[in-house]
């Protein structure tokens, strides 16, 4: 679901410039645009940048402010914002906030998952102490559970 969008330009090469929008969504930012050249073969362009793949996002001043998106395993993409520099910085701040929320959520899931595994091991230990499972079965199950968090 699109939360917010700003007008933007994407230059793929000297002759390929796409005019469109950069949209802030729940799990990604999306550039959607069309090329102004009516003779171009590929007139439309959509590029998705998923928050979990963005390693760095920054802004630079210029005639048109720039948003530079660095993703893991790919070259940087520069998108020219068609709004003023302060609005561009605010848009970028919202993206960074979404990335931070996603990272914090991921860290919490890891902590909660670890707690759950520890509880499962404790339950297995109780079953072993009661003689319901053997020492060998306990060690085997414990090893499987520990491998999930290591």
N, C-alpha and C. Protein backbone atom coordinates (compact mmCIF):
# COMPACT_ATOMS: atom_id res chain seq x y z
N UNK A 1 0.84 -1.18 0.00
CA UNK A 1 0.00 0.00 0.00
C UNK A 1 0.89 1.25 0.00
N UNK A 2 0.62 2.18 -0.91
CA UNK A 2 1.42 3.39 -1.01
C UNK A 2 1.07 4.33 0.14
N UNK A 3 2.10 4.70 0.91
CA UNK A 3 1.94 5.61 2.04
C UNK A 3 2.11 7.06 1.58
N UNK A 4 3.07 7.29 0.71
CA UNK A 4 3.41 8.63 0.26
C UNK A 4 4.21 8.50 -1.02
N UNK A 5 4.12 9.51 -1.89
CA UNK A 5 4.95 9.49 -3.10
C UNK A 5 5.36 10.89 -3.47
N UNK A 6 6.52 10.97 -4.16
CA UNK A 6 7.03 12.25 -4.64
C UNK A 6 7.34 12.12 -6.13
N UNK A 7 7.20 13.21 -6.88
CA UNK A 7 7.60 13.17 -8.29
C UNK A 7 9.12 13.00 -8.40
N UNK A 8 9.54 12.24 -9.41
CA UNK A 8 10.97 11.93 -9.51
C UNK A 8 11.38 11.64 -10.95
N UNK A 9 12.68 11.70 -11.19
CA UNK A 9 13.27 11.37 -12.48
C UNK A 9 14.35 10.32 -12.28
N UNK A 10 14.43 9.37 -13.20
CA UNK A 10 15.46 8.34 -13.16
C UNK A 10 16.20 8.38 -14.49
N UNK A 11 17.51 8.58 -14.44
CA UNK A 11 18.33 8.56 -15.65
C UNK A 11 19.05 7.23 -15.71
N UNK A 12 18.73 6.42 -16.73
CA UNK A 12 19.43 5.14 -16.89
C UNK A 12 20.66 5.31 -17.77
N UNK A 13 20.58 6.27 -18.65
CA UNK A 13 21.73 6.60 -19.50
C UNK A 13 21.51 8.03 -19.99
N UNK A 14 22.44 8.49 -20.78
CA UNK A 14 22.35 9.86 -21.29
C UNK A 14 21.06 10.08 -22.09
N UNK A 15 20.61 9.04 -22.76
CA UNK A 15 19.42 9.17 -23.62
C UNK A 15 18.15 8.59 -23.01
N UNK A 16 18.26 7.96 -21.86
CA UNK A 16 17.08 7.36 -21.24
C UNK A 16 16.76 8.03 -19.91
N UNK A 17 15.73 8.85 -19.91
CA UNK A 17 15.30 9.52 -18.69
C UNK A 17 13.82 9.18 -18.47
N UNK A 18 13.53 8.65 -17.30
CA UNK A 18 12.17 8.26 -16.98
C UNK A 18 11.58 9.25 -15.98
N UNK A 19 10.40 9.73 -16.27
CA UNK A 19 9.71 10.67 -15.39
C UNK A 19 8.57 9.92 -14.71
N UNK A 20 8.49 10.07 -13.37
CA UNK A 20 7.45 9.33 -12.66
C UNK A 20 7.40 9.69 -11.20
N UNK A 21 7.21 8.67 -10.38
CA UNK A 21 7.07 8.87 -8.94
C UNK A 21 7.90 7.86 -8.16
N UNK A 22 8.37 8.30 -7.01
CA UNK A 22 9.02 7.42 -6.04
C UNK A 22 8.02 7.26 -4.90
N UNK A 23 7.59 6.02 -4.65
CA UNK A 23 6.54 5.74 -3.67
C UNK A 23 7.09 5.03 -2.45
N UNK A 24 6.65 5.49 -1.29
CA UNK A 24 6.98 4.87 -0.01
C UNK A 24 5.87 3.89 0.32
N UNK A 25 6.23 2.59 0.44
CA UNK A 25 5.24 1.56 0.71
C UNK A 25 5.60 0.82 2.00
N UNK A 26 4.78 -0.16 2.38
CA UNK A 26 4.98 -0.87 3.63
C UNK A 26 6.33 -1.58 3.70
N UNK A 27 6.72 -2.26 2.62
CA UNK A 27 7.94 -3.07 2.66
C UNK A 27 8.98 -2.70 1.60
N UNK A 28 8.72 -1.60 0.88
CA UNK A 28 9.64 -1.22 -0.19
C UNK A 28 9.39 0.22 -0.63
N UNK A 29 10.33 0.74 -1.42
CA UNK A 29 10.11 1.97 -2.16
C UNK A 29 10.08 1.56 -3.62
N UNK A 30 9.24 2.21 -4.39
CA UNK A 30 9.09 1.85 -5.80
C UNK A 30 9.20 3.09 -6.66
N UNK A 31 10.06 3.01 -7.70
CA UNK A 31 10.06 4.04 -8.73
C UNK A 31 9.23 3.51 -9.88
N UNK A 32 8.25 4.31 -10.31
CA UNK A 32 7.43 3.97 -11.46
C UNK A 32 7.45 5.16 -12.40
N UNK A 33 7.83 4.94 -13.65
CA UNK A 33 7.90 6.06 -14.58
C UNK A 33 7.81 5.64 -16.03
N UNK A 34 7.72 6.65 -16.89
CA UNK A 34 7.70 6.42 -18.33
C UNK A 34 8.75 7.31 -18.98
N UNK A 35 9.25 6.86 -20.12
CA UNK A 35 10.26 7.62 -20.85
C UNK A 35 9.55 8.63 -21.75
N UNK A 36 10.14 9.78 -21.92
CA UNK A 36 9.49 10.82 -22.72
C UNK A 36 9.66 10.60 -24.23
N UNK A 37 10.62 9.78 -24.63
CA UNK A 37 10.88 9.51 -26.05
C UNK A 37 9.81 8.54 -26.59
N UNK A 38 8.95 9.00 -27.52
CA UNK A 38 7.88 8.13 -28.02
C UNK A 38 8.40 6.97 -28.88
N UNK A 39 9.66 7.02 -29.31
CA UNK A 39 10.22 5.96 -30.15
C UNK A 39 10.98 4.91 -29.35
N UNK A 40 11.05 5.09 -28.06
CA UNK A 40 11.78 4.15 -27.21
C UNK A 40 11.04 2.82 -27.14
N UNK A 41 11.81 1.74 -27.14
CA UNK A 41 11.22 0.40 -27.09
C UNK A 41 10.60 0.11 -25.73
N UNK A 42 11.35 0.37 -24.67
CA UNK A 42 10.85 0.10 -23.31
C UNK A 42 10.45 1.42 -22.66
N UNK A 43 9.21 1.80 -22.84
CA UNK A 43 8.73 3.11 -22.40
C UNK A 43 8.44 3.19 -20.91
N UNK A 44 8.14 2.08 -20.27
CA UNK A 44 7.79 2.11 -18.85
C UNK A 44 8.87 1.44 -18.02
N UNK A 45 9.01 1.91 -16.80
CA UNK A 45 10.02 1.34 -15.91
C UNK A 45 9.45 1.31 -14.50
N UNK A 46 9.61 0.18 -13.84
CA UNK A 46 9.29 0.06 -12.42
C UNK A 46 10.44 -0.65 -11.73
N UNK A 47 10.95 -0.03 -10.68
CA UNK A 47 12.04 -0.62 -9.92
C UNK A 47 11.62 -0.64 -8.46
N UNK A 48 11.69 -1.81 -7.85
CA UNK A 48 11.36 -1.97 -6.43
C UNK A 48 12.65 -2.07 -5.62
N UNK A 49 12.69 -1.32 -4.54
CA UNK A 49 13.81 -1.36 -3.60
C UNK A 49 13.24 -1.83 -2.26
N UNK A 50 13.46 -3.10 -1.92
CA UNK A 50 12.93 -3.63 -0.66
C UNK A 50 13.81 -3.16 0.50
N UNK A 51 13.14 -2.75 1.58
CA UNK A 51 13.86 -2.18 2.73
C UNK A 51 14.97 -3.10 3.25
N UNK A 52 14.71 -4.41 3.25
CA UNK A 52 15.71 -5.33 3.80
C UNK A 52 16.92 -5.49 2.87
N UNK A 53 16.86 -4.92 1.66
CA UNK A 53 17.99 -4.99 0.74
C UNK A 53 18.72 -3.65 0.61
N UNK A 54 18.19 -2.60 1.24
CA UNK A 54 18.82 -1.28 1.16
C UNK A 54 19.90 -1.19 2.23
N UNK A 55 21.13 -0.94 1.79
CA UNK A 55 22.23 -0.81 2.75
C UNK A 55 22.44 0.64 3.16
N UNK A 56 22.10 1.59 2.27
CA UNK A 56 22.27 3.00 2.58
C UNK A 56 21.38 3.81 1.67
N UNK A 57 20.77 4.85 2.23
CA UNK A 57 20.01 5.80 1.42
C UNK A 57 20.38 7.19 1.88
N UNK A 58 20.68 8.07 0.93
CA UNK A 58 21.12 9.42 1.28
C UNK A 58 20.59 10.43 0.27
N UNK A 59 20.74 11.70 0.61
CA UNK A 59 20.32 12.77 -0.29
C UNK A 59 21.50 13.68 -0.59
N UNK A 60 21.45 14.30 -1.75
CA UNK A 60 22.46 15.29 -2.14
C UNK A 60 21.74 16.48 -2.74
N UNK A 61 22.29 17.67 -2.45
CA UNK A 61 21.73 18.89 -3.03
C UNK A 61 22.12 18.99 -4.49
N UNK A 62 21.31 19.72 -5.25
CA UNK A 62 21.60 19.98 -6.65
C UNK A 62 20.45 20.78 -7.23
N UNK A 63 20.49 21.02 -8.52
CA UNK A 63 19.36 21.70 -9.17
C UNK A 63 18.09 20.91 -8.86
N UNK A 64 18.18 19.62 -9.04
CA UNK A 64 17.16 18.70 -8.55
C UNK A 64 17.81 17.87 -7.46
N UNK A 65 17.25 17.87 -6.24
CA UNK A 65 17.85 17.04 -5.17
C UNK A 65 17.92 15.58 -5.60
N UNK A 66 18.94 14.88 -5.12
CA UNK A 66 19.14 13.48 -5.49
C UNK A 66 18.92 12.58 -4.30
N UNK A 67 18.32 11.44 -4.56
CA UNK A 67 18.22 10.37 -3.57
C UNK A 67 19.08 9.25 -4.09
N UNK A 68 20.09 8.88 -3.32
CA UNK A 68 21.00 7.79 -3.73
C UNK A 68 20.64 6.56 -2.91
N UNK A 69 20.32 5.48 -3.62
CA UNK A 69 19.92 4.24 -2.96
C UNK A 69 20.99 3.19 -3.22
N UNK A 70 21.60 2.70 -2.13
CA UNK A 70 22.59 1.63 -2.23
C UNK A 70 21.93 0.36 -1.73
N UNK A 71 21.98 -0.68 -2.55
CA UNK A 71 21.40 -1.96 -2.16
C UNK A 71 22.49 -3.01 -2.10
N UNK A 72 22.25 -4.06 -1.35
CA UNK A 72 23.23 -5.13 -1.24
C UNK A 72 23.36 -5.85 -2.58
N UNK A 73 24.59 -6.02 -3.03
CA UNK A 73 24.86 -6.77 -4.25
C UNK A 73 24.48 -6.07 -5.53
N UNK A 74 24.36 -4.75 -5.54
CA UNK A 74 23.96 -4.04 -6.74
C UNK A 74 24.59 -2.65 -6.74
N UNK A 75 24.67 -2.03 -7.91
CA UNK A 75 25.24 -0.69 -7.95
C UNK A 75 24.24 0.34 -7.43
N UNK A 76 24.76 1.50 -7.02
CA UNK A 76 23.90 2.57 -6.52
C UNK A 76 22.97 3.07 -7.61
N UNK A 77 21.78 3.49 -7.19
CA UNK A 77 20.82 4.08 -8.10
C UNK A 77 20.56 5.51 -7.63
N UNK A 78 20.66 6.47 -8.56
CA UNK A 78 20.39 7.86 -8.23
C UNK A 78 19.07 8.26 -8.86
N UNK A 79 18.19 8.78 -8.02
CA UNK A 79 16.89 9.25 -8.48
C UNK A 79 16.80 10.73 -8.15
N UNK A 80 16.45 11.53 -9.14
CA UNK A 80 16.33 12.97 -8.95
C UNK A 80 14.91 13.28 -8.48
N UNK A 81 14.83 13.96 -7.35
CA UNK A 81 13.54 14.36 -6.79
C UNK A 81 13.07 15.63 -7.47
N UNK A 82 11.78 15.70 -7.73
CA UNK A 82 11.22 16.90 -8.34
C UNK A 82 10.61 17.84 -7.30
N UNK A 83 10.83 17.55 -6.03
CA UNK A 83 10.39 18.46 -4.97
C UNK A 83 11.63 19.12 -4.37
N UNK A 84 11.44 20.10 -3.50
CA UNK A 84 12.59 20.83 -2.97
C UNK A 84 13.44 19.94 -2.04
N UNK A 85 14.62 20.43 -1.73
CA UNK A 85 15.59 19.64 -0.96
C UNK A 85 15.04 19.23 0.40
N UNK A 86 14.38 20.15 1.12
CA UNK A 86 13.86 19.81 2.46
C UNK A 86 12.81 18.70 2.40
N UNK A 87 11.93 18.74 1.40
CA UNK A 87 10.93 17.68 1.24
C UNK A 87 11.61 16.35 0.89
N UNK A 88 12.66 16.43 0.10
CA UNK A 88 13.42 15.23 -0.28
C UNK A 88 14.09 14.62 0.95
N UNK A 89 14.68 15.46 1.80
CA UNK A 89 15.32 14.99 3.03
C UNK A 89 14.27 14.34 3.93
N UNK A 90 13.10 14.95 4.05
CA UNK A 90 12.02 14.40 4.88
C UNK A 90 11.56 13.04 4.34
N UNK A 91 11.43 12.93 3.03
CA UNK A 91 11.04 11.66 2.41
C UNK A 91 12.08 10.58 2.70
N UNK A 92 13.35 10.94 2.57
CA UNK A 92 14.45 10.02 2.86
C UNK A 92 14.46 9.62 4.33
N UNK A 93 14.16 10.56 5.22
CA UNK A 93 14.09 10.27 6.66
C UNK A 93 13.00 9.23 6.94
N UNK A 94 11.88 9.36 6.25
CA UNK A 94 10.79 8.38 6.44
C UNK A 94 11.21 6.99 5.96
N UNK A 95 11.99 6.94 4.88
CA UNK A 95 12.48 5.66 4.39
C UNK A 95 13.43 5.04 5.41
N UNK A 96 14.36 5.85 5.92
CA UNK A 96 15.30 5.35 6.94
C UNK A 96 14.56 4.89 8.19
N UNK A 97 13.48 5.58 8.55
CA UNK A 97 12.68 5.19 9.70
C UNK A 97 12.03 3.82 9.45
N UNK A 98 11.52 3.60 8.23
CA UNK A 98 10.93 2.30 7.89
C UNK A 98 11.98 1.19 7.95
N UNK A 99 13.18 1.48 7.46
CA UNK A 99 14.27 0.50 7.49
C UNK A 99 14.61 0.15 8.93
N UNK A 100 14.70 1.16 9.79
CA UNK A 100 15.00 0.93 11.22
C UNK A 100 13.91 0.10 11.89
N UNK A 101 12.66 0.41 11.59
CA UNK A 101 11.54 -0.36 12.16
C UNK A 101 11.63 -1.83 11.75
N UNK A 102 11.94 -2.05 10.48
CA UNK A 102 12.06 -3.42 9.97
C UNK A 102 13.21 -4.16 10.66
N UNK A 103 14.35 -3.48 10.83
CA UNK A 103 15.50 -4.10 11.50
C UNK A 103 15.19 -4.39 12.95
N UNK A 104 14.51 -3.47 13.65
CA UNK A 104 14.14 -3.69 15.06
C UNK A 104 13.16 -4.84 15.18
N UNK A 105 12.22 -4.92 14.25
CA UNK A 105 11.25 -6.01 14.25
C UNK A 105 11.96 -7.34 14.05
N UNK A 106 12.92 -7.35 13.13
CA UNK A 106 13.69 -8.57 12.87
C UNK A 106 14.49 -8.99 14.10
N UNK A 107 15.10 -8.00 14.78
CA UNK A 107 15.85 -8.30 16.00
C UNK A 107 14.94 -8.84 17.09
N UNK A 108 13.72 -8.27 17.22
CA UNK A 108 12.77 -8.75 18.22
C UNK A 108 12.33 -10.18 17.92
N UNK A 109 12.12 -10.48 16.61
CA UNK A 109 11.74 -11.84 16.23
C UNK A 109 12.83 -12.82 16.63
N UNK A 110 14.09 -12.43 16.45
CA UNK A 110 15.21 -13.29 16.82
C UNK A 110 15.23 -13.53 18.33
N UNK A 111 15.02 -12.46 19.10
CA UNK A 111 15.00 -12.59 20.56
C UNK A 111 13.83 -13.47 20.99
N UNK A 112 12.64 -13.22 20.43
CA UNK A 112 11.47 -14.03 20.78
C UNK A 112 11.65 -15.48 20.35
N UNK A 113 12.25 -15.69 19.18
CA UNK A 113 12.52 -17.05 18.71
C UNK A 113 13.49 -17.77 19.62
N UNK A 114 14.51 -17.07 20.10
CA UNK A 114 15.49 -17.65 21.02
C UNK A 114 14.82 -18.02 22.33
N UNK A 115 13.97 -17.13 22.85
CA UNK A 115 13.25 -17.42 24.09
C UNK A 115 12.38 -18.66 23.94
N UNK A 116 11.71 -18.77 22.80
CA UNK A 116 10.85 -19.91 22.54
C UNK A 116 11.66 -21.21 22.50
N UNK A 117 12.82 -21.16 21.88
CA UNK A 117 13.67 -22.36 21.78
C UNK A 117 14.17 -22.76 23.16
N UNK A 118 14.55 -21.79 23.98
CA UNK A 118 15.02 -22.09 25.34
C UNK A 118 13.90 -22.76 26.14
N UNK A 119 12.67 -22.23 25.99
CA UNK A 119 11.52 -22.85 26.68
C UNK A 119 11.29 -24.29 26.20
N UNK A 120 11.46 -24.52 24.90
CA UNK A 120 11.28 -25.87 24.36
C UNK A 120 12.34 -26.82 24.93
N UNK A 121 13.57 -26.35 25.05
CA UNK A 121 14.63 -27.18 25.63
C UNK A 121 14.33 -27.49 27.09
N UNK A 122 13.84 -26.50 27.82
CA UNK A 122 13.47 -26.71 29.22
C UNK A 122 12.35 -27.75 29.34
N UNK A 123 11.38 -27.70 28.44
CA UNK A 123 10.29 -28.69 28.44
C UNK A 123 10.83 -30.09 28.12
N UNK A 124 11.76 -30.15 27.17
CA UNK A 124 12.38 -31.43 26.84
C UNK A 124 13.13 -31.99 28.05
N UNK A 125 13.82 -31.10 28.79
CA UNK A 125 14.55 -31.53 29.99
C UNK A 125 13.59 -32.12 31.03
N UNK A 126 12.43 -31.52 31.18
CA UNK A 126 11.43 -32.04 32.11
C UNK A 126 10.96 -33.43 31.68
N UNK A 127 10.74 -33.60 30.37
CA UNK A 127 10.33 -34.91 29.85
C UNK A 127 11.42 -35.96 30.09
N UNK A 128 12.67 -35.56 29.93
CA UNK A 128 13.80 -36.46 30.17
C UNK A 128 13.87 -36.84 31.66
N UNK A 129 13.71 -35.82 32.54
CA UNK A 129 13.76 -36.07 33.99
C UNK A 129 12.64 -37.01 34.44
N UNK A 130 11.51 -36.96 33.76
CA UNK A 130 10.38 -37.83 34.10
C UNK A 130 10.50 -39.21 33.46
N UNK A 131 11.51 -39.36 32.59
CA UNK A 131 11.72 -40.65 31.95
C UNK A 131 10.88 -40.86 30.71
N UNK A 132 10.24 -39.80 30.23
CA UNK A 132 9.37 -39.93 29.05
C UNK A 132 10.21 -40.04 27.78
N UNK A 133 11.34 -39.33 27.75
CA UNK A 133 12.27 -39.46 26.63
C UNK A 133 13.65 -39.82 27.20
N UNK A 134 14.46 -40.45 26.37
CA UNK A 134 15.78 -40.88 26.82
C UNK A 134 16.79 -39.72 26.73
N UNK A 135 17.95 -39.93 27.36
CA UNK A 135 19.04 -38.94 27.30
C UNK A 135 19.46 -38.70 25.85
N UNK A 136 19.51 -39.78 25.08
CA UNK A 136 19.91 -39.69 23.67
C UNK A 136 18.89 -38.87 22.87
N UNK A 137 17.59 -39.13 23.10
CA UNK A 137 16.54 -38.37 22.40
C UNK A 137 16.60 -36.88 22.80
N UNK A 138 16.82 -36.63 24.08
CA UNK A 138 16.92 -35.26 24.57
C UNK A 138 18.08 -34.53 23.88
N UNK A 139 19.26 -35.17 23.84
CA UNK A 139 20.44 -34.55 23.21
C UNK A 139 20.20 -34.28 21.73
N UNK A 140 19.54 -35.21 21.06
CA UNK A 140 19.26 -35.06 19.63
C UNK A 140 18.33 -33.87 19.38
N UNK A 141 17.23 -33.78 20.14
CA UNK A 141 16.26 -32.69 19.98
C UNK A 141 16.89 -31.35 20.39
N UNK A 142 17.68 -31.35 21.44
CA UNK A 142 18.33 -30.12 21.91
C UNK A 142 19.29 -29.60 20.84
N UNK A 143 20.02 -30.50 20.20
CA UNK A 143 20.96 -30.11 19.16
C UNK A 143 20.21 -29.47 17.98
N UNK A 144 19.08 -30.05 17.60
CA UNK A 144 18.27 -29.50 16.50
C UNK A 144 17.79 -28.10 16.86
N UNK A 145 17.30 -27.93 18.08
CA UNK A 145 16.79 -26.62 18.49
C UNK A 145 17.89 -25.57 18.59
N UNK A 146 19.05 -25.96 19.13
CA UNK A 146 20.16 -25.01 19.25
C UNK A 146 20.69 -24.58 17.88
N UNK A 147 20.63 -25.48 16.91
CA UNK A 147 21.08 -25.13 15.56
C UNK A 147 20.22 -24.04 14.93
N UNK A 148 18.99 -23.89 15.41
CA UNK A 148 18.11 -22.85 14.89
C UNK A 148 18.52 -21.45 15.34
N UNK A 149 19.24 -21.35 16.46
CA UNK A 149 19.62 -20.02 16.95
C UNK A 149 21.09 -19.72 16.82
N UNK A 150 21.87 -20.69 16.45
CA UNK A 150 23.33 -20.47 16.33
C UNK A 150 23.69 -20.15 14.90
